[in-house]
Amino acid sequence: MSAPETVAARRSASACATQEQMFYAASRQNSLLDQLFLTFVEDGLTREELEKNIRRRPHLWRRWENWLDKLPSNRRKL
């Protein structure tokens, strides 16, 4: 099989994804995003950093806004 046929075959196969395949692909993507977020938390993500990210890209970060009261703050307490 030549390279153009391979590319065309891949396009054809991806264009024919069933609804179930699309559902599981979206589920995998959501899982990867959640795992990445938990890595950020383990690495010391602060409340202020999450607030900044939510303001900057709400369509991506708003899903974790319930973590705001669970994350440490880098502000000094008076």
PDB file of N, CA and C in Angstrom:
ATOM      1  N   MET A   1       0.843  -1.180   0.000  1.00  0.00           N
ATOM      2  CA  MET A   1       0.000   0.000   0.000  1.00  0.00           C
ATOM      3  C   MET A   1       0.888   1.244   0.000  1.00  0.00           C
ATOM      4  N   SER A   2       0.587   2.204  -0.799  1.00  0.00           N
ATOM      5  CA  SER A   2       1.395   3.417  -0.857  1.00  0.00           C
ATOM      6  C   SER A   2       0.966   4.383   0.248  1.00  0.00           C
ATOM      7  N   ALA A   3       1.799   5.376   0.483  1.00  0.00           N
ATOM      8  CA  ALA A   3       1.530   6.350   1.546  1.00  0.00           C
ATOM      9  C   ALA A   3       0.213   7.101   1.342  1.00  0.00           C
ATOM     10  N   PRO A   4      -0.117   7.595   0.131  1.00  0.00           N
ATOM     11  CA  PRO A   4      -1.390   8.288  -0.041  1.00  0.00           C
ATOM     12  C   PRO A   4      -2.593   7.403   0.269  1.00  0.00           C
ATOM     13  N   GLU A   5      -2.510   6.113  -0.099  1.00  0.00           N
ATOM     14  CA  GLU A   5      -3.617   5.215   0.205  1.00  0.00           C
ATOM     15  C   GLU A   5      -3.767   5.033   1.707  1.00  0.00           C
ATOM     16  N   THR A   6      -2.659   4.967   2.415  1.00  0.00           N
ATOM     17  CA  THR A   6      -2.696   4.802   3.864  1.00  0.00           C
ATOM     18  C   THR A   6      -3.354   6.002   4.528  1.00  0.00           C
ATOM     19  N   VAL A   7      -2.972   7.191   4.112  1.00  0.00           N
ATOM     20  CA  VAL A   7      -3.561   8.405   4.656  1.00  0.00           C
ATOM     21  C   VAL A   7      -5.052   8.452   4.348  1.00  0.00           C
ATOM     22  N   ALA A   8      -5.417   8.119   3.121  1.00  0.00           N
ATOM     23  CA  ALA A   8      -6.831   8.113   2.738  1.00  0.00           C
ATOM     24  C   ALA A   8      -7.603   7.076   3.545  1.00  0.00           C
ATOM     25  N   ALA A   9      -6.997   5.925   3.773  1.00  0.00           N
ATOM     26  CA  ALA A   9      -7.664   4.883   4.563  1.00  0.00           C
ATOM     27  C   ALA A   9      -7.871   5.349   5.994  1.00  0.00           C
ATOM     28  N   ARG A  10      -6.886   6.046   6.560  1.00  0.00           N
ATOM     29  CA  ARG A  10      -7.031   6.561   7.924  1.00  0.00           C
ATOM     30  C   ARG A  10      -8.137   7.605   8.003  1.00  0.00           C
ATOM     31  N   ARG A  11      -8.177   8.497   7.020  1.00  0.00           N
ATOM     32  CA  ARG A  11      -9.232   9.513   7.009  1.00  0.00           C
ATOM     33  C   ARG A  11     -10.600   8.867   6.918  1.00  0.00           C
ATOM     34  N   SER A  12     -10.712   7.873   6.064  1.00  0.00           N
ATOM     35  CA  SER A  12     -11.985   7.190   5.893  1.00  0.00           C
ATOM     36  C   SER A  12     -12.404   6.495   7.179  1.00  0.00           C
ATOM     37  N   ALA A  13     -11.459   5.842   7.841  1.00  0.00           N
ATOM     38  CA  ALA A  13     -11.780   5.125   9.074  1.00  0.00           C
ATOM     39  C   ALA A  13     -12.173   6.101  10.181  1.00  0.00           C
ATOM     40  N   SER A  14     -11.481   7.231  10.282  1.00  0.00           N
ATOM     41  CA  SER A  14     -11.807   8.187  11.339  1.00  0.00           C
ATOM     42  C   SER A  14     -13.119   8.914  11.044  1.00  0.00           C
ATOM     43  N   ALA A  15     -13.451   9.091   9.796  1.00  0.00           N
ATOM     44  CA  ALA A  15     -14.694   9.767   9.439  1.00  0.00           C
ATOM     45  C   ALA A  15     -15.906   8.892   9.725  1.00  0.00           C
ATOM     46  N   CYS A  16     -15.697   7.594   9.841  1.00  0.00           N
ATOM     47  CA  CYS A  16     -16.798   6.662  10.064  1.00  0.00           C
ATOM     48  C   CYS A  16     -16.894   6.224  11.527  1.00  0.00           C
ATOM     49  N   ALA A  17     -16.380   7.009  12.435  1.00  0.00           N
ATOM     50  CA  ALA A  17     -16.445   6.640  13.845  1.00  0.00           C
ATOM     51  C   ALA A  17     -17.898   6.600  14.298  1.00  0.00           C
ATOM     52  N   THR A  18     -18.206   5.578  15.050  1.00  0.00           N
ATOM     53  CA  THR A  18     -19.569   5.463  15.554  1.00  0.00           C
ATOM     54  C   THR A  18     -19.751   6.382  16.750  1.00  0.00           C
ATOM     55  N   GLN A  19     -20.977   6.581  17.141  1.00  0.00           N
ATOM     56  CA  GLN A  19     -21.254   7.419  18.306  1.00  0.00           C
ATOM     57  C   GLN A  19     -20.614   6.822  19.555  1.00  0.00           C
ATOM     58  N   GLU A  20     -20.631   5.525  19.671  1.00  0.00           N
ATOM     59  CA  GLU A  20     -20.010   4.865  20.818  1.00  0.00           C
ATOM     60  C   GLU A  20     -18.501   5.113  20.840  1.00  0.00           C
ATOM     61  N   GLN A  21     -17.851   5.034  19.683  1.00  0.00           N
ATOM     62  CA  GLN A  21     -16.416   5.296  19.607  1.00  0.00           C
ATOM     63  C   GLN A  21     -16.098   6.740  19.980  1.00  0.00           C
ATOM     64  N   MET A  22     -16.932   7.656  19.509  1.00  0.00           N
ATOM     65  CA  MET A  22     -16.722   9.063  19.857  1.00  0.00           C
ATOM     66  C   MET A  22     -16.909   9.296  21.359  1.00  0.00           C
ATOM     67  N   PHE A  23     -17.893   8.629  21.955  1.00  0.00           N
ATOM     68  CA  PHE A  23     -18.141   8.746  23.386  1.00  0.00           C
ATOM     69  C   PHE A  23     -16.914   8.291  24.177  1.00  0.00           C
ATOM     70  N   TYR A  24     -16.382   7.124  23.837  1.00  0.00           N
ATOM     71  CA  TYR A  24     -15.231   6.607  24.571  1.00  0.00           C
ATOM     72  C   TYR A  24     -13.972   7.427  24.313  1.00  0.00           C
ATOM     73  N   ALA A  25     -13.828   7.987  23.133  1.00  0.00           N
ATOM     74  CA  ALA A  25     -12.697   8.869  22.857  1.00  0.00           C
ATOM     75  C   ALA A  25     -12.788  10.136  23.716  1.00  0.00           C
ATOM     76  N   ALA A  26     -13.986  10.703  23.837  1.00  0.00           N
ATOM     77  CA  ALA A  26     -14.177  11.893  24.673  1.00  0.00           C
ATOM     78  C   ALA A  26     -13.947  11.548  26.144  1.00  0.00           C
ATOM     79  N   SER A  27     -14.388  10.379  26.567  1.00  0.00           N
ATOM     80  CA  SER A  27     -14.175   9.941  27.953  1.00  0.00           C
ATOM     81  C   SER A  27     -12.690   9.796  28.255  1.00  0.00           C
ATOM     82  N   ARG A  28     -11.938   9.225  27.315  1.00  0.00           N
ATOM     83  CA  ARG A  28     -10.488   9.089  27.505  1.00  0.00           C
ATOM     84  C   ARG A  28      -9.828  10.463  27.607  1.00  0.00           C
ATOM     85  N   GLN A  29     -10.257  11.391  26.749  1.00  0.00           N
ATOM     86  CA  GLN A  29      -9.689  12.741  26.778  1.00  0.00           C
ATOM     87  C   GLN A  29      -9.984  13.424  28.112  1.00  0.00           C
ATOM     88  N   ASN A  30     -11.215  13.298  28.606  1.00  0.00           N
ATOM     89  CA  ASN A  30     -11.559  13.881  29.902  1.00  0.00           C
ATOM     90  C   ASN A  30     -10.735  13.266  31.017  1.00  0.00           C
ATOM     91  N   SER A  31     -10.526  11.972  30.952  1.00  0.00           N
ATOM     92  CA  SER A  31      -9.719  11.291  31.957  1.00  0.00           C
ATOM     93  C   SER A  31      -8.281  11.805  31.941  1.00  0.00           C
ATOM     94  N   LEU A  32      -7.722  11.997  30.761  1.00  0.00           N
ATOM     95  CA  LEU A  32      -6.359  12.518  30.652  1.00  0.00           C
ATOM     96  C   LEU A  32      -6.261  13.926  31.241  1.00  0.00           C
ATOM     97  N   LEU A  33      -7.273  14.762  30.978  1.00  0.00           N
ATOM     98  CA  LEU A  33      -7.268  16.118  31.530  1.00  0.00           C
ATOM     99  C   LEU A  33      -7.352  16.086  33.058  1.00  0.00           C
ATOM    100  N   ASP A  34      -8.191  15.209  33.590  1.00  0.00           N
ATOM    101  CA  ASP A  34      -8.311  15.092  35.047  1.00  0.00           C
ATOM    102  C   ASP A  34      -7.006  14.594  35.671  1.00  0.00           C
ATOM    103  N   GLN A  35      -6.361  13.641  35.029  1.00  0.00           N
ATOM    104  CA  GLN A  35      -5.078  13.144  35.533  1.00  0.00           C
ATOM    105  C   GLN A  35      -4.020  14.245  35.509  1.00  0.00           C
ATOM    106  N   LEU A  36      -4.017  15.040  34.460  1.00  0.00           N
ATOM    107  CA  LEU A  36      -3.067  16.145  34.361  1.00  0.00           C
ATOM    108  C   LEU A  36      -3.328  17.186  35.451  1.00  0.00           C
ATOM    109  N   PHE A  37      -4.605  17.490  35.683  1.00  0.00           N
ATOM    110  CA  PHE A  37      -4.936  18.442  36.740  1.00  0.00           C
ATOM    111  C   PHE A  37      -4.451  17.931  38.093  1.00  0.00           C
ATOM    112  N   LEU A  38      -4.655  16.654  38.385  1.00  0.00           N
ATOM    113  CA  LEU A  38      -4.202  16.098  39.658  1.00  0.00           C
ATOM    114  C   LEU A  38      -2.682  16.136  39.773  1.00  0.00           C
ATOM    115  N   THR A  39      -1.996  16.020  38.660  1.00  0.00           N
ATOM    116  CA  THR A  39      -0.544  16.184  38.672  1.00  0.00           C
ATOM    117  C   THR A  39      -0.181  17.608  39.060  1.00  0.00           C
ATOM    118  N   PHE A  40      -0.908  18.597  38.520  1.00  0.00           N
ATOM    119  CA  PHE A  40      -0.671  19.992  38.902  1.00  0.00           C
ATOM    120  C   PHE A  40      -0.907  20.187  40.394  1.00  0.00           C
ATOM    121  N   VAL A  41      -1.954  19.566  40.931  1.00  0.00           N
ATOM    122  CA  VAL A  41      -2.255  19.676  42.365  1.00  0.00           C
ATOM    123  C   VAL A  41      -1.107  19.085  43.176  1.00  0.00           C
ATOM    124  N   GLU A  42      -0.632  17.912  42.789  1.00  0.00           N
ATOM    125  CA  GLU A  42       0.496  17.279  43.494  1.00  0.00           C
ATOM    126  C   GLU A  42       1.753  18.134  43.423  1.00  0.00           C
ATOM    127  N   ASP A  43       1.917  18.871  42.328  1.00  0.00           N
ATOM    128  CA  ASP A  43       3.094  19.714  42.148  1.00  0.00           C
ATOM    129  C   ASP A  43       2.959  21.070  42.843  1.00  0.00           C
ATOM    130  N   GLY A  44       1.835  21.301  43.550  1.00  0.00           N
ATOM    131  CA  GLY A  44       1.704  22.524  44.334  1.00  0.00           C
ATOM    132  C   GLY A  44       0.862  23.624  43.713  1.00  0.00           C
ATOM    133  N   LEU A  45      -0.084  23.287  42.858  1.00  0.00           N
ATOM    134  CA  LEU A  45      -0.980  24.297  42.293  1.00  0.00           C
ATOM    135  C   LEU A  45      -1.664  25.057  43.433  1.00  0.00           C
ATOM    136  N   THR A  46      -1.672  26.380  43.350  1.00  0.00           N
ATOM    137  CA  THR A  46      -2.297  27.187  44.398  1.00  0.00           C
ATOM    138  C   THR A  46      -3.668  27.686  43.959  1.00  0.00           C
ATOM    139  N   ARG A  47      -4.424  28.148  44.931  1.00  0.00           N
ATOM    140  CA  ARG A  47      -5.756  28.698  44.675  1.00  0.00           C
ATOM    141  C   ARG A  47      -5.671  29.867  43.685  1.00  0.00           C
ATOM    142  N   GLU A  48      -4.692  30.718  43.880  1.00  0.00           N
ATOM    143  CA  GLU A  48      -4.553  31.885  43.012  1.00  0.00           C
ATOM    144  C   GLU A  48      -4.219  31.487  41.571  1.00  0.00           C
ATOM    145  N   GLU A  49      -3.378  30.472  41.414  1.00  0.00           N
ATOM    146  CA  GLU A  49      -3.050  30.013  40.067  1.00  0.00           C
ATOM    147  C   GLU A  49      -4.277  29.434  39.369  1.00  0.00           C
ATOM    148  N   LEU A  50      -5.070  28.656  40.106  1.00  0.00           N
ATOM    149  CA  LEU A  50      -6.286  28.102  39.515  1.00  0.00           C
ATOM    150  C   LEU A  50      -7.272  29.213  39.167  1.00  0.00           C
ATOM    151  N   GLU A  51      -7.436  30.205  40.039  1.00  0.00           N
ATOM    152  CA  GLU A  51      -8.327  31.338  39.741  1.00  0.00           C
ATOM    153  C   GLU A  51      -7.876  32.051  38.470  1.00  0.00           C
ATOM    154  N   LYS A  52      -6.568  32.251  38.342  1.00  0.00           N
ATOM    155  CA  LYS A  52      -6.022  32.919  37.154  1.00  0.00           C
ATOM    156  C   LYS A  52      -6.310  32.088  35.894  1.00  0.00           C
ATOM    157  N   ASN A  53      -6.126  30.780  36.000  1.00  0.00           N
ATOM    158  CA  ASN A  53      -6.386  29.916  34.845  1.00  0.00           C
ATOM    159  C   ASN A  53      -7.865  29.897  34.476  1.00  0.00           C
ATOM    160  N   ILE A  54      -8.741  29.930  35.477  1.00  0.00           N
ATOM    161  CA  ILE A  54     -10.185  29.957  35.204  1.00  0.00           C
ATOM    162  C   ILE A  54     -10.562  31.254  34.485  1.00  0.00           C
ATOM    163  N   ARG A  55      -9.989  32.373  34.923  1.00  0.00           N
ATOM    164  CA  ARG A  55     -10.261  33.651  34.243  1.00  0.00           C
ATOM    165  C   ARG A  55      -9.724  33.644  32.819  1.00  0.00           C
ATOM    166  N   ARG A  56      -8.560  33.046  32.636  1.00  0.00           N
ATOM    167  CA  ARG A  56      -7.893  33.060  31.335  1.00  0.00           C
ATOM    168  C   ARG A  56      -8.575  32.140  30.326  1.00  0.00           C
ATOM    169  N   ARG A  57      -8.917  30.922  30.752  1.00  0.00           N
ATOM    170  CA  ARG A  57      -9.539  29.940  29.844  1.00  0.00           C
ATOM    171  C   ARG A  57     -10.670  29.212  30.574  1.00  0.00           C
ATOM    172  N   PRO A  58     -11.792  29.898  30.780  1.00  0.00           N
ATOM    173  CA  PRO A  58     -12.879  29.300  31.571  1.00  0.00           C
ATOM    174  C   PRO A  58     -13.442  28.023  30.965  1.00  0.00           C
ATOM    175  N   HIS A  59     -13.462  27.910  29.637  1.00  0.00           N
ATOM    176  CA  HIS A  59     -14.022  26.703  29.019  1.00  0.00           C
ATOM    177  C   HIS A  59     -13.227  25.452  29.363  1.00  0.00           C
ATOM    178  N   LEU A  60     -11.963  25.606  29.731  1.00  0.00           N
ATOM    179  CA  LEU A  60     -11.139  24.460  30.103  1.00  0.00           C
ATOM    180  C   LEU A  60     -11.059  24.275  31.614  1.00  0.00           C
ATOM    181  N   TRP A  61     -10.804  25.362  32.339  1.00  0.00           N
ATOM    182  CA  TRP A  61     -10.476  25.274  33.759  1.00  0.00           C
ATOM    183  C   TRP A  61     -11.673  25.308  34.701  1.00  0.00           C
ATOM    184  N   ARG A  62     -12.821  25.808  34.265  1.00  0.00           N
ATOM    185  CA  ARG A  62     -13.967  25.945  35.157  1.00  0.00           C
ATOM    186  C   ARG A  62     -14.420  24.598  35.735  1.00  0.00           C
ATOM    187  N   ARG A  63     -14.135  23.526  35.045  1.00  0.00           N
ATOM    188  CA  ARG A  63     -14.546  22.206  35.523  1.00  0.00           C
ATOM    189  C   ARG A  63     -13.920  21.852  36.868  1.00  0.00           C
ATOM    190  N   TRP A  64     -12.840  22.543  37.256  1.00  0.00           N
ATOM    191  CA  TRP A  64     -12.173  22.271  38.531  1.00  0.00           C
ATOM    192  C   TRP A  64     -12.348  23.394  39.543  1.00  0.00           C
ATOM    193  N   GLU A  65     -13.311  24.281  39.331  1.00  0.00           N
ATOM    194  CA  GLU A  65     -13.465  25.399  40.257  1.00  0.00           C
ATOM    195  C   GLU A  65     -13.882  24.942  41.654  1.00  0.00           C
ATOM    196  N   ASN A  66     -14.452  23.758  41.777  1.00  0.00           N
ATOM    197  CA  ASN A  66     -14.795  23.267  43.115  1.00  0.00           C
ATOM    198  C   ASN A  66     -13.549  22.911  43.926  1.00  0.00           C
ATOM    199  N   TRP A  67     -12.393  22.949  43.326  1.00  0.00           N
ATOM    200  CA  TRP A  67     -11.139  22.728  44.028  1.00  0.00           C
ATOM    201  C   TRP A  67     -10.605  23.998  44.680  1.00  0.00           C
ATOM    202  N   LEU A  68     -11.193  25.144  44.373  1.00  0.00           N
ATOM    203  CA  LEU A  68     -10.652  26.410  44.893  1.00  0.00           C
ATOM    204  C   LEU A  68     -10.550  26.423  46.419  1.00  0.00           C
ATOM    205  N   ASP A  69     -11.549  25.889  47.112  1.00  0.00           N
ATOM    206  CA  ASP A  69     -11.500  25.909  48.577  1.00  0.00           C
ATOM    207  C   ASP A  69     -10.635  24.787  49.147  1.00  0.00           C
ATOM    208  N   LYS A  70     -10.146  23.899  48.304  1.00  0.00           N
ATOM    209  CA  LYS A  70      -9.311  22.786  48.764  1.00  0.00           C
ATOM    210  C   LYS A  70      -7.806  23.041  48.552  1.00  0.00           C
ATOM    211  N   LEU A  71      -7.491  23.959  47.661  1.00  0.00           N
ATOM    212  CA  LEU A  71      -6.085  24.242  47.343  1.00  0.00           C
ATOM    213  C   LEU A  71      -5.493  25.236  48.335  1.00  0.00           C
ATOM    214  N   PRO A  72      -4.194  25.125  48.576  1.00  0.00           N
ATOM    215  CA  PRO A  72      -3.544  26.095  49.462  1.00  0.00           C
ATOM    216  C   PRO A  72      -3.424  27.452  48.762  1.00  0.00           C
ATOM    217  N   SER A  73      -3.365  28.484  49.581  1.00  0.00           N
ATOM    218  CA  SER A  73      -3.207  29.836  49.053  1.00  0.00           C
ATOM    219  C   SER A  73      -1.759  30.271  49.226  1.00  0.00           C
ATOM    220  N   ASN A  74      -1.272  31.076  48.311  1.00  0.00           N
ATOM    221  CA  ASN A  74       0.078  31.599  48.476  1.00  0.00           C
ATOM    222  C   ASN A  74       0.050  33.009  49.084  1.00  0.00           C
ATOM    223  N   ARG A  75      -1.152  33.457  49.458  1.00  0.00           N
ATOM    224  CA  ARG A  75      -1.275  34.756  50.137  1.00  0.00           C
ATOM    225  C   ARG A  75      -0.923  34.601  51.611  1.00  0.00           C
ATOM    226  N   ARG A  76      -0.311  35.626  52.149  1.00  0.00           N
ATOM    227  CA  ARG A  76       0.023  35.611  53.574  1.00  0.00           C
ATOM    228  C   ARG A  76      -1.195  35.883  54.403  1.00  0.00           C
ATOM    229  N   LYS A  77      -1.309  35.168  55.490  1.00  0.00           N
ATOM    230  CA  LYS A  77      -2.411  35.421  56.430  1.00  0.00           C
ATOM    231  C   LYS A  77      -1.955  36.481  57.406  1.00  0.00           C
ATOM    232  N   LEU A  78      -2.830  37.451  57.654  1.00  0.00           N
ATOM    233  CA  LEU A  78      -2.485  38.537  58.583  1.00  0.00           C
ATOM    234  C   LEU A  78      -2.965  38.227  59.986  1.00  0.00           C
TER     235      LEU A  78
END
